[in-house]
Structures are given as structure tokens and as C-alpha cells.
Amino acid sequence: MAVSISAVVLLCIVVFVLIRGGYVRVGPALACALFGFFLASTGAAPAISDAISTVTGWIASI
């Protein structure tokens, strides 16, 4: 749970900086957020969650 909240906060900061810097407009950022929201409700969500957990485990072991 703590890893997913940290990832959400980190990604939110990255998106905010990209929008403020003019690299990404609000429309495409909103479309990506909605895509992620709807992707989380599909059958692919557990596989994505497992992959993220594996990568964070590798990073933690370094």
C-alpha cells in the first residue's frame, strides 16, 4: 500500500511539472489519467501491480 501511494504522489508531481513546463497539455494528461483509471479495472491490473512490485523489490535490494 505504501509503495502505491508513493508512486501516485511521484507520478502526480511529474505530471504537474510537465504540465507547468508546457511539455504536456491538460487534455492529453487527463486522457492518460483516465486511461490509467480504466486500465486499473481490467484484468491487466494484477499483472501490472505485480510487475511494479517486482521492480520496486529490485530497487530496494540495491
C-alpha atoms as a PDB file:
ATOM      1  CA  MET A   1       0.000   0.000   0.000  1.00  0.00           C
ATOM      2  CA  ALA A   2       2.759   2.462   0.890  1.00  0.00           C
ATOM      3  CA  VAL A   3       4.536   1.835  -2.405  1.00  0.00           C
ATOM      4  CA  SER A   4       1.442   2.523  -4.490  1.00  0.00           C
ATOM      5  CA  ILE A   5       0.712   5.760  -2.622  1.00  0.00           C
ATOM      6  CA  SER A   6       4.322   6.879  -3.065  1.00  0.00           C
ATOM      7  CA  ALA A   7       4.163   6.035  -6.765  1.00  0.00           C
ATOM      8  CA  VAL A   8       0.951   8.015  -7.155  1.00  0.00           C
ATOM      9  CA  VAL A   9       2.460  11.042  -5.419  1.00  0.00           C
ATOM     10  CA  LEU A  10       5.650  10.815  -7.515  1.00  0.00           C
ATOM     11  CA  LEU A  11       3.726  10.467 -10.771  1.00  0.00           C
ATOM     12  CA  CYS A  12       1.430  13.325  -9.789  1.00  0.00           C
ATOM     13  CA  ILE A  13       4.451  15.566  -9.245  1.00  0.00           C
ATOM     14  CA  VAL A  14       5.939  14.531 -12.599  1.00  0.00           C
ATOM     15  CA  VAL A  15       2.679  15.248 -14.424  1.00  0.00           C
ATOM     16  CA  PHE A  16       2.310  18.589 -12.652  1.00  0.00           C
ATOM     17  CA  VAL A  17       5.851  19.624 -13.655  1.00  0.00           C
ATOM     18  CA  LEU A  18       5.298  18.528 -17.259  1.00  0.00           C
ATOM     19  CA  ILE A  19       2.042  20.472 -17.487  1.00  0.00           C
ATOM     20  CA  ARG A  20       3.590  23.575 -15.906  1.00  0.00           C
ATOM     21  CA  GLY A  21       6.632  23.340 -18.193  1.00  0.00           C
ATOM     22  CA  GLY A  22       4.442  23.214 -21.287  1.00  0.00           C
ATOM     23  CA  TYR A  23       5.637  19.771 -22.352  1.00  0.00           C
ATOM     24  CA  VAL A  24       2.199  18.227 -21.873  1.00  0.00           C
ATOM     25  CA  ARG A  25      -1.129  19.974 -22.156  1.00  0.00           C
ATOM     26  CA  VAL A  26      -4.007  19.372 -19.770  1.00  0.00           C
ATOM     27  CA  GLY A  27      -6.070  17.422 -22.329  1.00  0.00           C
ATOM     28  CA  PRO A  28      -3.524  14.670 -23.020  1.00  0.00           C
ATOM     29  CA  ALA A  29      -2.651  14.460 -19.320  1.00  0.00           C
ATOM     30  CA  LEU A  30      -6.321  13.982 -18.477  1.00  0.00           C
ATOM     31  CA  ALA A  31      -6.652  11.337 -21.199  1.00  0.00           C
ATOM     32  CA  CYS A  32      -3.660   9.430 -19.769  1.00  0.00           C
ATOM     33  CA  ALA A  33      -5.091   9.640 -16.252  1.00  0.00           C
ATOM     34  CA  LEU A  34      -8.451   8.323 -17.421  1.00  0.00           C
ATOM     35  CA  PHE A  35      -6.726   5.546 -19.358  1.00  0.00           C
ATOM     36  CA  GLY A  36      -4.876   4.505 -16.204  1.00  0.00           C
ATOM     37  CA  PHE A  37      -8.069   4.663 -14.168  1.00  0.00           C
ATOM     38  CA  PHE A  38      -9.968   2.431 -16.577  1.00  0.00           C
ATOM     39  CA  LEU A  39      -6.967   0.116 -17.071  1.00  0.00           C
ATOM     40  CA  ALA A  40      -6.954  -0.479 -13.314  1.00  0.00           C
ATOM     41  CA  SER A  41     -10.418  -2.010 -13.559  1.00  0.00           C
ATOM     42  CA  THR A  42      -9.432  -4.543 -16.237  1.00  0.00           C
ATOM     43  CA  GLY A  43      -7.865  -7.959 -15.914  1.00  0.00           C
ATOM     44  CA  ALA A  44      -4.445  -6.469 -16.656  1.00  0.00           C
ATOM     45  CA  ALA A  45      -4.341  -4.634 -13.310  1.00  0.00           C
ATOM     46  CA  PRO A  46      -2.960  -7.558 -11.232  1.00  0.00           C
ATOM     47  CA  ALA A  47      -0.164  -8.210 -13.737  1.00  0.00           C
ATOM     48  CA  ILE A  48       0.804  -4.535 -13.788  1.00  0.00           C
ATOM     49  CA  SER A  49       0.717  -4.383  -9.989  1.00  0.00           C
ATOM     50  CA  ASP A  50       2.902  -7.490  -9.734  1.00  0.00           C
ATOM     51  CA  ALA A  51       5.404  -6.039 -12.220  1.00  0.00           C
ATOM     52  CA  ILE A  52       5.620  -2.781 -10.280  1.00  0.00           C
ATOM     53  CA  SER A  53       6.083  -4.697  -7.021  1.00  0.00           C
ATOM     54  CA  THR A  54       8.886  -6.730  -8.594  1.00  0.00           C
ATOM     55  CA  VAL A  55      10.679  -3.632  -9.876  1.00  0.00           C
ATOM     56  CA  THR A  56      10.382  -1.861  -6.517  1.00  0.00           C
ATOM     57  CA  GLY A  57      11.716  -5.006  -4.838  1.00  0.00           C
ATOM     58  CA  TRP A  58      14.728  -4.960  -7.144  1.00  0.00           C
ATOM     59  CA  ILE A  59      15.335  -1.285  -6.437  1.00  0.00           C
ATOM     60  CA  ALA A  60      15.026  -1.845  -2.683  1.00  0.00           C
ATOM     61  CA  SER A  61      17.582  -4.648  -2.799  1.00  0.00           C
ATOM     62  CA  ILE A  62      20.237  -2.417  -4.411  1.00  0.00           C
END
